[in-house]
N, C-alpha and C. Protein backbone atom coordinates (compact mmCIF):
# COMPACT_ATOMS: atom_id res chain seq x y z
N MET A 1 0.84 -1.18 0.00
CA MET A 1 0.00 0.00 0.00
C MET A 1 0.88 1.24 0.00
N VAL A 2 0.51 2.22 -0.80
CA VAL A 2 1.26 3.46 -0.91
C VAL A 2 0.89 4.37 0.26
N GLU A 3 1.91 4.94 0.90
CA GLU A 3 1.70 5.87 2.00
C GLU A 3 2.53 7.12 1.76
N LYS A 4 2.19 8.20 2.45
CA LYS A 4 2.98 9.42 2.37
C LYS A 4 4.40 9.08 2.78
N GLY A 5 5.38 9.50 2.00
CA GLY A 5 6.78 9.19 2.26
C GLY A 5 7.29 7.97 1.52
N SER A 6 6.39 7.16 0.92
CA SER A 6 6.80 5.97 0.18
C SER A 6 7.65 6.36 -1.03
N GLN A 7 8.67 5.55 -1.32
CA GLN A 7 9.43 5.67 -2.55
C GLN A 7 8.72 4.81 -3.59
N VAL A 8 8.41 5.39 -4.74
CA VAL A 8 7.68 4.67 -5.78
C VAL A 8 8.40 4.79 -7.11
N GLN A 9 8.02 3.91 -8.04
CA GLN A 9 8.55 3.98 -9.41
C GLN A 9 7.43 3.75 -10.40
N TRP A 10 7.64 4.24 -11.64
CA TRP A 10 6.67 4.08 -12.71
C TRP A 10 7.40 4.25 -14.03
N MET A 11 6.77 3.82 -15.08
CA MET A 11 7.34 3.96 -16.42
C MET A 11 6.79 5.24 -17.06
N ASN A 12 7.68 5.98 -17.71
CA ASN A 12 7.31 7.22 -18.40
C ASN A 12 8.07 7.26 -19.71
N SER A 13 7.36 7.09 -20.81
CA SER A 13 8.00 7.09 -22.13
C SER A 13 9.18 6.13 -22.20
N ARG A 14 8.96 4.89 -21.77
CA ARG A 14 9.95 3.82 -21.78
C ARG A 14 11.12 4.05 -20.83
N THR A 15 10.98 5.03 -19.93
CA THR A 15 12.01 5.31 -18.94
C THR A 15 11.43 5.11 -17.55
N LYS A 16 12.15 4.41 -16.71
CA LYS A 16 11.70 4.19 -15.34
C LYS A 16 12.00 5.44 -14.52
N ARG A 17 10.98 5.96 -13.85
CA ARG A 17 11.11 7.14 -13.01
C ARG A 17 10.87 6.74 -11.56
N THR A 18 11.47 7.49 -10.64
CA THR A 18 11.26 7.24 -9.22
C THR A 18 11.04 8.55 -8.49
N GLY A 19 10.41 8.45 -7.33
CA GLY A 19 10.18 9.64 -6.52
C GLY A 19 9.55 9.28 -5.19
N GLN A 20 9.29 10.33 -4.39
CA GLN A 20 8.72 10.14 -3.07
C GLN A 20 7.33 10.77 -3.01
N VAL A 21 6.37 10.02 -2.45
CA VAL A 21 5.00 10.50 -2.32
C VAL A 21 4.95 11.58 -1.24
N VAL A 22 4.43 12.76 -1.60
CA VAL A 22 4.34 13.86 -0.65
C VAL A 22 2.90 14.18 -0.25
N GLU A 23 1.93 13.68 -1.05
CA GLU A 23 0.52 13.92 -0.74
C GLU A 23 -0.32 12.81 -1.37
N ILE A 24 -1.40 12.42 -0.67
CA ILE A 24 -2.32 11.41 -1.17
C ILE A 24 -3.73 11.93 -0.96
N ASN A 25 -4.60 11.76 -1.99
CA ASN A 25 -5.97 12.21 -1.87
C ASN A 25 -6.89 11.28 -2.64
N GLU A 26 -8.06 11.01 -2.07
CA GLU A 26 -9.04 10.16 -2.75
C GLU A 26 -9.85 10.92 -3.79
N LYS A 27 -9.80 12.24 -3.77
CA LYS A 27 -10.65 13.02 -4.66
C LYS A 27 -9.87 13.73 -5.76
N ILE A 28 -9.12 14.77 -5.39
CA ILE A 28 -8.48 15.59 -6.43
C ILE A 28 -7.20 16.23 -5.91
N ILE A 29 -6.22 16.33 -6.77
CA ILE A 29 -5.01 17.10 -6.50
C ILE A 29 -4.69 17.88 -7.78
N GLN A 30 -4.25 19.13 -7.58
CA GLN A 30 -3.86 19.97 -8.71
C GLN A 30 -2.44 20.48 -8.47
N ILE A 31 -1.67 20.59 -9.55
CA ILE A 31 -0.34 21.20 -9.49
C ILE A 31 -0.19 22.09 -10.71
N ASN A 32 0.75 23.02 -10.64
CA ASN A 32 1.10 23.84 -11.78
C ASN A 32 2.42 23.30 -12.31
N ARG A 33 2.41 22.83 -13.54
CA ARG A 33 3.61 22.23 -14.14
C ARG A 33 3.91 22.94 -15.45
N ASN A 34 5.05 23.61 -15.51
CA ASN A 34 5.47 24.35 -16.70
C ASN A 34 4.41 25.34 -17.16
N GLY A 35 3.77 26.03 -16.20
CA GLY A 35 2.77 27.03 -16.52
C GLY A 35 1.40 26.49 -16.85
N VAL A 36 1.20 25.18 -16.73
CA VAL A 36 -0.08 24.54 -17.03
C VAL A 36 -0.62 23.89 -15.76
N GLN A 37 -1.90 24.13 -15.47
CA GLN A 37 -2.51 23.49 -14.31
C GLN A 37 -2.87 22.06 -14.66
N VAL A 38 -2.35 21.11 -13.88
CA VAL A 38 -2.60 19.69 -14.08
C VAL A 38 -3.48 19.20 -12.94
N THR A 39 -4.55 18.48 -13.28
CA THR A 39 -5.50 17.97 -12.30
C THR A 39 -5.66 16.47 -12.49
N ARG A 40 -5.64 15.73 -11.39
CA ARG A 40 -5.93 14.29 -11.43
C ARG A 40 -7.02 14.00 -10.42
N MET A 41 -7.94 13.16 -10.82
CA MET A 41 -9.05 12.76 -9.96
C MET A 41 -8.79 11.35 -9.45
N GLY A 42 -8.95 11.15 -8.15
CA GLY A 42 -8.77 9.84 -7.55
C GLY A 42 -10.09 9.26 -7.10
N LYS A 43 -10.03 8.04 -6.59
CA LYS A 43 -11.18 7.33 -6.03
C LYS A 43 -10.70 6.65 -4.75
N PRO A 44 -11.61 6.25 -3.87
CA PRO A 44 -11.17 5.57 -2.65
C PRO A 44 -10.31 4.33 -2.92
N ASP A 45 -10.55 3.63 -4.03
CA ASP A 45 -9.78 2.42 -4.34
C ASP A 45 -8.63 2.68 -5.32
N ASN A 46 -8.43 3.93 -5.72
CA ASN A 46 -7.34 4.30 -6.63
C ASN A 46 -7.02 5.78 -6.42
N ARG A 47 -6.34 6.05 -5.31
CA ARG A 47 -6.09 7.43 -4.90
C ARG A 47 -5.09 8.12 -5.83
N VAL A 48 -5.13 9.45 -5.83
CA VAL A 48 -4.18 10.23 -6.61
C VAL A 48 -3.00 10.60 -5.70
N LEU A 49 -1.80 10.50 -6.26
CA LEU A 49 -0.57 10.73 -5.52
C LEU A 49 0.17 11.93 -6.09
N LYS A 50 0.62 12.82 -5.23
CA LYS A 50 1.52 13.90 -5.62
C LYS A 50 2.91 13.41 -5.27
N ILE A 51 3.78 13.33 -6.29
CA ILE A 51 5.10 12.72 -6.13
C ILE A 51 6.18 13.74 -6.51
N LYS A 52 7.19 13.85 -5.64
CA LYS A 52 8.37 14.64 -5.98
C LYS A 52 9.37 13.69 -6.61
N GLN A 53 9.58 13.85 -7.92
CA GLN A 53 10.52 13.00 -8.64
C GLN A 53 11.94 13.22 -8.13
N ASP A 54 12.77 12.21 -8.26
CA ASP A 54 14.17 12.35 -7.87
C ASP A 54 14.85 13.48 -8.63
N GLN A 55 14.34 13.81 -9.82
CA GLN A 55 14.88 14.92 -10.61
C GLN A 55 14.38 16.28 -10.11
N GLY A 56 13.45 16.28 -9.14
CA GLY A 56 12.99 17.53 -8.54
C GLY A 56 11.60 18.00 -8.93
N ASP A 57 11.08 17.56 -10.08
CA ASP A 57 9.77 17.98 -10.53
C ASP A 57 8.66 17.27 -9.77
N MET A 58 7.50 17.91 -9.66
CA MET A 58 6.32 17.29 -9.08
C MET A 58 5.49 16.67 -10.19
N VAL A 59 4.93 15.49 -9.93
CA VAL A 59 4.04 14.82 -10.88
C VAL A 59 2.85 14.27 -10.12
N LEU A 60 1.77 14.00 -10.85
CA LEU A 60 0.59 13.38 -10.29
C LEU A 60 0.40 12.02 -10.94
N LYS A 61 0.20 10.99 -10.14
CA LYS A 61 -0.03 9.64 -10.63
C LYS A 61 -1.14 9.01 -9.81
N LEU A 62 -1.85 8.06 -10.41
CA LEU A 62 -2.80 7.26 -9.66
C LEU A 62 -2.05 6.07 -9.05
N GLU A 63 -2.60 5.54 -7.96
CA GLU A 63 -1.94 4.42 -7.29
C GLU A 63 -1.66 3.25 -8.22
N ASN A 64 -2.60 2.98 -9.14
CA ASN A 64 -2.41 1.83 -10.03
C ASN A 64 -1.35 2.08 -11.11
N GLU A 65 -0.80 3.29 -11.17
CA GLU A 65 0.24 3.62 -12.14
C GLU A 65 1.65 3.48 -11.56
N VAL A 66 1.76 3.24 -10.26
CA VAL A 66 3.07 3.17 -9.61
C VAL A 66 3.22 1.86 -8.84
N GLU A 67 4.47 1.55 -8.50
CA GLU A 67 4.72 0.44 -7.59
C GLU A 67 5.67 0.94 -6.51
N VAL A 68 5.43 0.45 -5.29
CA VAL A 68 6.27 0.82 -4.16
C VAL A 68 7.59 0.07 -4.30
N LEU A 69 8.70 0.79 -4.11
CA LEU A 69 10.00 0.15 -4.19
C LEU A 69 10.16 -0.84 -3.05
N ALA A 70 10.82 -1.97 -3.33
CA ALA A 70 10.90 -3.12 -2.41
C ALA A 70 11.42 -2.75 -1.03
N GLU A 71 12.40 -1.84 -0.94
CA GLU A 71 12.96 -1.53 0.37
C GLU A 71 11.95 -0.85 1.28
N GLN A 72 10.87 -0.29 0.72
CA GLN A 72 9.83 0.33 1.52
C GLN A 72 8.88 -0.71 2.13
N LEU A 73 8.88 -1.92 1.61
CA LEU A 73 7.95 -2.96 2.09
C LEU A 73 8.45 -3.62 3.36
N ALA A 74 9.74 -3.54 3.66
CA ALA A 74 10.31 -4.22 4.83
C ALA A 74 9.94 -3.53 6.13
């Protein structure tokens, strides 16, 4: 299960990306990315995650789009 502070990974244009979850919401999260407002809608069974990528940018992903890195499961 994804929690605030979890390290996660996902595929983006054939590249594996990683980052840390900084916010979780069942309904909606919005961010401003490169001057564009980005909105993702979540559900109780597929929450929306605000993730700070290791490269520094913020992204929004749904829980089913990411996997928790193994060292976080221990």
